[in-house]
C-alpha atoms as a PDB file:
ATOM      1  CA  MET A   1     136.701-111.117 146.569  1.00  0.00           C
ATOM      2  CA  ALA A   2     132.883-110.122 146.534  1.00  0.00           C
ATOM      3  CA  LYS A   3     133.502-108.175 149.836  1.00  0.00           C
ATOM      4  CA  ARG A   4     136.388-106.281 148.398  1.00  0.00           C
ATOM      5  CA  LYS A   5     134.543-105.416 145.272  1.00  0.00           C
ATOM      6  CA  LEU A   6     131.692-104.125 147.275  1.00  0.00           C
ATOM      7  CA  LYS A   7     134.161-102.136 149.375  1.00  0.00           C
ATOM      8  CA  ASN A   8     135.954-100.627 146.465  1.00  0.00           C
ATOM      9  CA  PHE A   9     132.473 -99.657 144.846  1.00  0.00           C
ATOM     10  CA  ALA A  10     131.435 -98.067 148.031  1.00  0.00           C
ATOM     11  CA  GLU A  11     134.785 -96.169 148.140  1.00  0.00           C
ATOM     12  CA  LEU A  12     134.497 -95.149 144.496  1.00  0.00           C
ATOM     13  CA  LEU A  13     131.418 -93.139 145.402  1.00  0.00           C
ATOM     14  CA  THR A  14     133.404 -91.003 147.545  1.00  0.00           C
ATOM     15  CA  PHE A  15     136.155 -90.110 145.061  1.00  0.00           C
ATOM     16  CA  ASP A  16     135.896 -86.423 143.717  1.00  0.00           C
ATOM     17  CA  ASN A  17     137.925 -87.592 140.718  1.00  0.00           C
ATOM     18  CA  VAL A  18     135.180 -89.908 139.470  1.00  0.00           C
ATOM     19  CA  ILE A  19     131.850 -89.547 137.722  1.00  0.00           C
ATOM     20  CA  GLN A  20     129.598 -92.436 137.670  1.00  0.00           C
ATOM     21  CA  HIS A  21     126.575 -92.322 135.056  1.00  0.00           C
ATOM     22  CA  VAL A  22     124.954 -95.597 133.601  1.00  0.00           C
ATOM     23  CA  PHE A  23     122.046 -94.886 131.314  1.00  0.00           C
ATOM     24  CA  GLY A  24     118.833 -96.748 131.587  1.00  0.00           C
ATOM     25  CA  GLU A  25     116.774 -97.127 128.500  1.00  0.00           C
ATOM     26  CA  GLU A  26     116.330 -93.228 128.109  1.00  0.00           C
ATOM     27  CA  LYS A  27     119.303 -91.485 126.768  1.00  0.00           C
ATOM     28  CA  TYR A  28     119.955 -87.903 127.485  1.00  0.00           C
ATOM     29  CA  ASP A  29     122.900 -85.557 127.555  1.00  0.00           C
ATOM     30  CA  LEU A  30     125.191 -85.641 130.672  1.00  0.00           C
ATOM     31  CA  PRO A  31     125.230 -82.131 132.366  1.00  0.00           C
ATOM     32  CA  LEU A  32     128.937 -82.107 131.998  1.00  0.00           C
ATOM     33  CA  LYS A  33     128.899 -82.521 128.385  1.00  0.00           C
ATOM     34  CA  GLY A  34     130.747 -79.764 126.616  1.00  0.00           C
ATOM     35  CA  LYS A  35     131.818 -78.395 130.119  1.00  0.00           C
ATOM     36  CA  TRP A  36     134.444 -80.951 131.275  1.00  0.00           C
ATOM     37  CA  GLY A  37     137.150 -78.396 131.169  1.00  0.00           C
ATOM     38  CA  LYS A  38     135.332 -75.574 132.906  1.00  0.00           C
ATOM     39  CA  GLU A  39     133.358 -77.476 135.488  1.00  0.00           C
ATOM     40  CA  PHE A  40     135.315 -80.640 136.118  1.00  0.00           C
ATOM     41  CA  PHE A  41     139.090 -79.655 135.639  1.00  0.00           C
ATOM     42  CA  LYS A  42     138.416 -76.071 136.071  1.00  0.00           C
ATOM     43  CA  ASN A  43     140.615 -75.119 133.291  1.00  0.00           C
ATOM     44  CA  ASP A  44     140.977 -74.941 129.510  1.00  0.00           C
ATOM     45  CA  LYS A  45     143.739 -77.537 128.923  1.00  0.00           C
ATOM     46  CA  PRO A  46     143.326 -80.086 126.065  1.00  0.00           C
ATOM     47  CA  ILE A  47     141.491 -83.214 127.098  1.00  0.00           C
ATOM     48  CA  THR A  48     142.575 -86.707 126.306  1.00  0.00           C
ATOM     49  CA  VAL A  49     140.333 -89.594 126.607  1.00  0.00           C
ATOM     50  CA  GLU A  50     141.104 -93.399 127.254  1.00  0.00           C
ATOM     51  CA  PHE A  51     138.303 -95.520 126.316  1.00  0.00           C
ATOM     52  CA  GLY A  52     138.314 -98.844 127.981  1.00  0.00           C
ATOM     53  CA  CYS A  53     140.893 -97.773 130.733  1.00  0.00           C
ATOM     54  CA  GLY A  54     140.456-100.806 132.894  1.00  0.00           C
ATOM     55  CA  LYS A  55     142.676-100.311 135.801  1.00  0.00           C
ATOM     56  CA  GLY A  56     143.550 -96.691 134.705  1.00  0.00           C
ATOM     57  CA  GLU A  57     147.384 -97.404 134.420  1.00  0.00           C
ATOM     58  CA  TYR A  58     147.563 -95.542 131.071  1.00  0.00           C
ATOM     59  CA  THR A  59     145.425 -92.606 132.093  1.00  0.00           C
ATOM     60  CA  VAL A  60     147.294 -92.036 135.266  1.00  0.00           C
ATOM     61  CA  ALA A  61     150.772 -92.388 133.504  1.00  0.00           C
ATOM     62  CA  LEU A  62     149.799 -89.868 130.789  1.00  0.00           C
ATOM     63  CA  ALA A  63     148.530 -87.346 133.319  1.00  0.00           C
ATOM     64  CA  GLU A  64     151.729 -87.753 135.246  1.00  0.00           C
ATOM     65  CA  LYS A  65     153.895 -87.172 132.125  1.00  0.00           C
ATOM     66  CA  HIS A  66     151.723 -84.400 130.824  1.00  0.00           C
ATOM     67  CA  PRO A  67     150.631 -81.936 133.392  1.00  0.00           C
ATOM     68  CA  GLU A  68     149.808 -79.376 130.614  1.00  0.00           C
ATOM     69  CA  ARG A  69     146.831 -81.486 129.615  1.00  0.00           C
ATOM     70  CA  ASN A  70     143.838 -83.134 131.153  1.00  0.00           C
ATOM     71  CA  PHE A  71     142.936 -86.812 130.944  1.00  0.00           C
ATOM     72  CA  ILE A  72     139.692 -88.904 131.471  1.00  0.00           C
ATOM     73  CA  GLY A  73     139.619 -92.727 131.697  1.00  0.00           C
ATOM     74  CA  VAL A  74     136.502 -94.374 130.688  1.00  0.00           C
ATOM     75  CA  ASP A  75     134.934 -97.823 131.540  1.00  0.00           C
ATOM     76  CA  ILE A  76     132.122 -99.616 132.912  1.00  0.00           C
ATOM     77  CA  LYS A  77     134.148-101.834 135.271  1.00  0.00           C
ATOM     78  CA  GLY A  78     134.125 -99.782 138.504  1.00  0.00           C
ATOM     79  CA  ASN A  79     136.098-102.346 140.425  1.00  0.00           C
ATOM     80  CA  ARG A  80     138.871-102.150 137.905  1.00  0.00           C
ATOM     81  CA  MET A  81     138.534 -98.178 137.683  1.00  0.00           C
ATOM     82  CA  TRP A  82     138.676 -97.944 141.451  1.00  0.00           C
ATOM     83  CA  ARG A  83     142.627 -98.697 141.307  1.00  0.00           C
ATOM     84  CA  GLY A  84     143.401 -95.886 138.916  1.00  0.00           C
ATOM     85  CA  ALA A  85     141.214 -93.473 140.583  1.00  0.00           C
ATOM     86  CA  LYS A  86     142.779 -94.134 143.951  1.00  0.00           C
ATOM     87  CA  THR A  87     146.240 -94.139 142.594  1.00  0.00           C
ATOM     88  CA  ALA A  88     145.507 -90.574 140.966  1.00  0.00           C
ATOM     89  CA  LEU A  89     144.306 -89.240 144.300  1.00  0.00           C
ATOM     90  CA  GLU A  90     147.409 -90.639 146.195  1.00  0.00           C
ATOM     91  CA  LEU A  91     149.638 -88.935 143.637  1.00  0.00           C
ATOM     92  CA  GLY A  92     147.664 -85.612 143.904  1.00  0.00           C
ATOM     93  CA  LEU A  93     147.002 -85.508 140.254  1.00  0.00           C
ATOM     94  CA  LYS A  94     144.515 -82.803 139.413  1.00  0.00           C
ATOM     95  CA  ASN A  95     144.538 -83.206 135.749  1.00  0.00           C
ATOM     96  CA  VAL A  96     142.928 -86.767 135.740  1.00  0.00           C
ATOM     97  CA  GLY A  97     139.473 -88.053 136.039  1.00  0.00           C
ATOM     98  CA  PHE A  98     137.570 -91.051 135.583  1.00  0.00           C
ATOM     99  CA  LEU A  99     133.986 -91.763 134.121  1.00  0.00           C
ATOM    100  CA  ARG A 100     132.191 -94.880 134.646  1.00  0.00           C
ATOM    101  CA  THR A 101     129.767 -95.448 131.878  1.00  0.00           C
ATOM    102  CA  GLN A 102     129.003 -97.446 128.775  1.00  0.00           C
ATOM    103  CA  ILE A 103     131.408 -96.322 125.915  1.00  0.00           C
ATOM    104  CA  ASN A 104     128.575 -96.862 123.337  1.00  0.00           C
ATOM    105  CA  ASP A 105     126.908 -93.612 124.975  1.00  0.00           C
ATOM    106  CA  ILE A 106     129.747 -91.349 124.678  1.00  0.00           C
ATOM    107  CA  GLU A 107     127.753 -89.073 122.222  1.00  0.00           C
ATOM    108  CA  TYR A 108     125.815 -88.076 125.278  1.00  0.00           C
ATOM    109  CA  ILE A 109     128.936 -87.516 127.356  1.00  0.00           C
ATOM    110  CA  PHE A 110     131.286 -85.419 125.329  1.00  0.00           C
ATOM    111  CA  GLY A 111     130.421 -82.321 123.270  1.00  0.00           C
ATOM    112  CA  GLU A 112     131.597 -81.413 119.766  1.00  0.00           C
ATOM    113  CA  GLY A 113     135.108 -80.418 119.532  1.00  0.00           C
ATOM    114  CA  GLU A 114     135.603 -81.071 123.349  1.00  0.00           C
ATOM    115  CA  LEU A 115     138.352 -83.657 123.259  1.00  0.00           C
ATOM    116  CA  SER A 116     141.812 -83.467 121.686  1.00  0.00           C
ATOM    117  CA  GLU A 117     142.955 -87.048 121.532  1.00  0.00           C
ATOM    118  CA  VAL A 118     141.663 -90.535 121.937  1.00  0.00           C
ATOM    119  CA  TRP A 119     143.547 -93.611 123.367  1.00  0.00           C
ATOM    120  CA  VAL A 120     142.262 -97.111 123.175  1.00  0.00           C
ATOM    121  CA  THR A 121     144.241 -99.726 124.998  1.00  0.00           C
ATOM    122  CA  PHE A 122     143.905-103.444 124.905  1.00  0.00           C
ATOM    123  CA  PRO A 123     140.210-103.510 123.919  1.00  0.00           C
ATOM    124  CA  ASP A 124     138.029-106.417 123.748  1.00  0.00           C
ATOM    125  CA  PRO A 125     138.452-107.465 120.122  1.00  0.00           C
ATOM    126  CA  LYS A 126     134.877-108.618 119.709  1.00  0.00           C
ATOM    127  CA  PRO A 127     135.616-111.110 116.865  1.00  0.00           C
ATOM    128  CA  LYS A 128     132.165-112.162 116.074  1.00  0.00           C
ATOM    129  CA  PRO A 129     130.973-110.382 112.612  1.00  0.00           C
ATOM    130  CA  GLY A 130     127.749-109.084 114.283  1.00  0.00           C
ATOM    131  CA  ASP A 131     129.915-107.113 116.769  1.00  0.00           C
ATOM    132  CA  ALA A 132     131.905-105.312 114.279  1.00  0.00           C
ATOM    133  CA  ARG A 133     130.281-101.940 114.846  1.00  0.00           C
ATOM    134  CA  LYS A 134     130.750-102.325 118.686  1.00  0.00           C
ATOM    135  CA  ARG A 135     134.696-102.576 118.267  1.00  0.00           C
ATOM    136  CA  LEU A 136     136.224 -99.522 119.751  1.00  0.00           C
ATOM    137  CA  THR A 137     138.051 -98.637 116.456  1.00  0.00           C
ATOM    138  CA  SER A 138     135.150 -99.256 114.193  1.00  0.00           C
ATOM    139  CA  ALA A 139     134.232 -96.724 111.467  1.00  0.00           C
ATOM    140  CA  GLU A 140     131.042 -95.814 113.405  1.00  0.00           C
ATOM    141  CA  ASN A 141     133.130 -95.156 116.611  1.00  0.00           C
ATOM    142  CA  CYS A 142     135.801 -93.108 114.761  1.00  0.00           C
ATOM    143  CA  VAL A 143     133.073 -90.851 113.400  1.00  0.00           C
ATOM    144  CA  LYS A 144     131.907 -90.229 116.955  1.00  0.00           C
ATOM    145  CA  TYR A 145     135.403 -89.620 118.103  1.00  0.00           C
ATOM    146  CA  LYS A 146     136.075 -87.299 115.210  1.00  0.00           C
ATOM    147  CA  LEU A 147     133.033 -85.084 116.086  1.00  0.00           C
ATOM    148  CA  MET A 148     134.296 -84.774 119.768  1.00  0.00           C
ATOM    149  CA  MET A 149     137.660 -83.694 118.766  1.00  0.00           C
ATOM    150  CA  GLY A 150     138.943 -80.487 117.519  1.00  0.00           C
ATOM    151  CA  GLU A 151     141.733 -79.901 114.930  1.00  0.00           C
ATOM    152  CA  ASN A 152     144.063 -82.820 114.179  1.00  0.00           C
ATOM    153  CA  PRO A 153     141.778 -85.364 115.648  1.00  0.00           C
ATOM    154  CA  THR A 154     143.941 -88.495 116.406  1.00  0.00           C
ATOM    155  CA  VAL A 155     143.215 -91.912 117.668  1.00  0.00           C
ATOM    156  CA  ASN A 156     145.908 -94.377 119.378  1.00  0.00           C
ATOM    157  CA  LEU A 157     145.404 -97.996 119.568  1.00  0.00           C
ATOM    158  CA  LYS A 158     147.548-100.224 121.454  1.00  0.00           C
ATOM    159  CA  THR A 159     146.761-103.962 121.514  1.00  0.00           C
ATOM    160  CA  ASP A 160     148.089-107.560 121.632  1.00  0.00           C
ATOM    161  CA  SER A 161     145.391-108.665 119.327  1.00  0.00           C
ATOM    162  CA  ASP A 162     146.331-109.359 115.519  1.00  0.00           C
ATOM    163  CA  PHE A 163     142.567-109.272 114.831  1.00  0.00           C
ATOM    164  CA  ILE A 164     141.754-105.763 116.238  1.00  0.00           C
ATOM    165  CA  PHE A 165     145.072-104.486 114.834  1.00  0.00           C
ATOM    166  CA  ASN A 166     144.435-105.720 111.250  1.00  0.00           C
ATOM    167  CA  PHE A 167     140.669-104.598 111.566  1.00  0.00           C
ATOM    168  CA  THR A 168     141.787-101.094 112.531  1.00  0.00           C
ATOM    169  CA  LYS A 169     144.274-100.726 109.719  1.00  0.00           C
ATOM    170  CA  GLU A 170     141.389-101.721 107.335  1.00  0.00           C
ATOM    171  CA  VAL A 171     139.149 -99.061 108.846  1.00  0.00           C
ATOM    172  CA  VAL A 172     141.880 -96.522 108.436  1.00  0.00           C
ATOM    173  CA  ALA A 173     142.441 -97.489 104.612  1.00  0.00           C
ATOM    174  CA  ASN A 174     138.747 -97.708 103.879  1.00  0.00           C
ATOM    175  CA  ASN A 175     138.068 -94.319 105.236  1.00  0.00           C
ATOM    176  CA  ASN A 176     141.038 -92.555 103.903  1.00  0.00           C
ATOM    177  CA  TYR A 177     142.341 -91.859 107.585  1.00  0.00           C
ATOM    178  CA  LYS A 178     145.888 -90.748 107.778  1.00  0.00           C
ATOM    179  CA  THR A 179     148.354 -93.105 109.471  1.00  0.00           C
ATOM    180  CA  LEU A 180     150.755 -91.155 111.740  1.00  0.00           C
ATOM    181  CA  ARG A 181     152.667 -94.129 113.368  1.00  0.00           C
ATOM    182  CA  ILE A 182     152.360 -97.865 113.227  1.00  0.00           C
ATOM    183  CA  SER A 183     154.169-100.866 114.555  1.00  0.00           C
ATOM    184  CA  GLU A 184     153.552-104.538 114.774  1.00  0.00           C
ATOM    185  CA  ASP A 185     156.119-104.798 117.754  1.00  0.00           C
ATOM    186  CA  ILE A 186     156.662-101.619 119.712  1.00  0.00           C
ATOM    187  CA  ASP A 187     159.630-103.006 121.665  1.00  0.00           C
ATOM    188  CA  ARG A 188     161.454-103.616 118.324  1.00  0.00           C
ATOM    189  CA  ASP A 189     160.268-100.298 116.530  1.00  0.00           C
ATOM    190  CA  PHE A 190     159.991 -97.774 119.524  1.00  0.00           C
ATOM    191  CA  PRO A 191     162.166 -99.076 122.301  1.00  0.00           C
ATOM    192  CA  GLY A 192     162.792 -95.541 123.779  1.00  0.00           C
ATOM    193  CA  ASP A 193     159.248 -94.144 123.779  1.00  0.00           C
ATOM    194  CA  GLU A 194     158.101 -93.610 127.214  1.00  0.00           C
ATOM    195  CA  LEU A 195     154.332 -93.426 126.577  1.00  0.00           C
ATOM    196  CA  LEU A 196     154.321 -96.747 124.629  1.00  0.00           C
ATOM    197  CA  GLN A 197     156.322 -98.498 127.168  1.00  0.00           C
ATOM    198  CA  VAL A 198     153.922 -97.798 129.944  1.00  0.00           C
ATOM    199  CA  ARG A 199     152.774-101.298 131.104  1.00  0.00           C
ATOM    200  CA  THR A 200     149.219-102.200 131.920  1.00  0.00           C
ATOM    201  CA  TYR A 201     148.076-105.039 133.936  1.00  0.00           C
ATOM    202  CA  TYR A 202     146.953-107.005 130.820  1.00  0.00           C
ATOM    203  CA  GLU A 203     149.979-105.880 128.926  1.00  0.00           C
ATOM    204  CA  MET A 204     152.262-107.363 131.475  1.00  0.00           C
ATOM    205  CA  LYS A 205     150.412-110.783 131.056  1.00  0.00           C
ATOM    206  CA  PHE A 206     150.708-110.803 127.494  1.00  0.00           C
ATOM    207  CA  ARG A 207     154.320-109.961 127.436  1.00  0.00           C
ATOM    208  CA  LYS A 208     155.087-113.026 129.861  1.00  0.00           C
ATOM    209  CA  GLN A 209     153.668-115.038 127.025  1.00  0.00           C
ATOM    210  CA  GLY A 210     155.870-113.517 124.402  1.00  0.00           C
ATOM    211  CA  ILE A 211     153.032-111.839 122.658  1.00  0.00           C
ATOM    212  CA  PRO A 212     154.294-108.690 120.651  1.00  0.00           C
ATOM    213  CA  ILE A 213     152.432-105.425 121.277  1.00  0.00           C
ATOM    214  CA  HIS A 214     150.778-103.600 118.215  1.00  0.00           C
ATOM    215  CA  TYR A 215     150.375 -99.832 117.975  1.00  0.00           C
ATOM    216  CA  ILE A 216     148.670 -97.564 115.450  1.00  0.00           C
ATOM    217  CA  LYS A 217     148.108 -93.859 115.707  1.00  0.00           C
ATOM    218  CA  PHE A 218     145.953 -92.236 113.045  1.00  0.00           C
ATOM    219  CA  GLU A 219     144.224 -89.031 112.217  1.00  0.00           C
ATOM    220  CA  VAL A 220     140.478 -89.380 111.554  1.00  0.00           C
END
């Protein structure tokens, strides 16, 4: 396993659809900040970002279904990201990229109004009270997302966790965000929705255990 991880990390460095940047103690703006469309994708299509993309199944699926948009998968786990980045290259997708970085540093990565939509799929719930601000749908992170998005800034959460689903509903209510779609069980409520029926590695594990998948889409 260790040898395969090392091989994947080495190969990841050669992929032209991957940017790797992990900050040290000093924080500074990434040169691509505010220029992802012009310099990375070389077009002006709307950009959707998936935070905590894991193996990149959702990022790749969204890019396949929406060639009129650009997509970026963000995660710190390079070994997982390798799978999505490699698949995107094999499929010849030019509208998808991956960024390996810490998600809590995103204000140094994306410029104001640069993004159009955010997806958060099966995030770590971080249930300890002291970790509330680190949750990917926390009020603090939603403020960051809003600054990075233009008109109609929307966030999508898909999760198996009752905890993070209920926490997110509280964030939406407490901040007067607008709920656009919501479901405690997407198979029951949205059986024909192609995007919501995309299966990630972790989602398939949860489904085998009979765990319903929750979803909320809201405007910040």
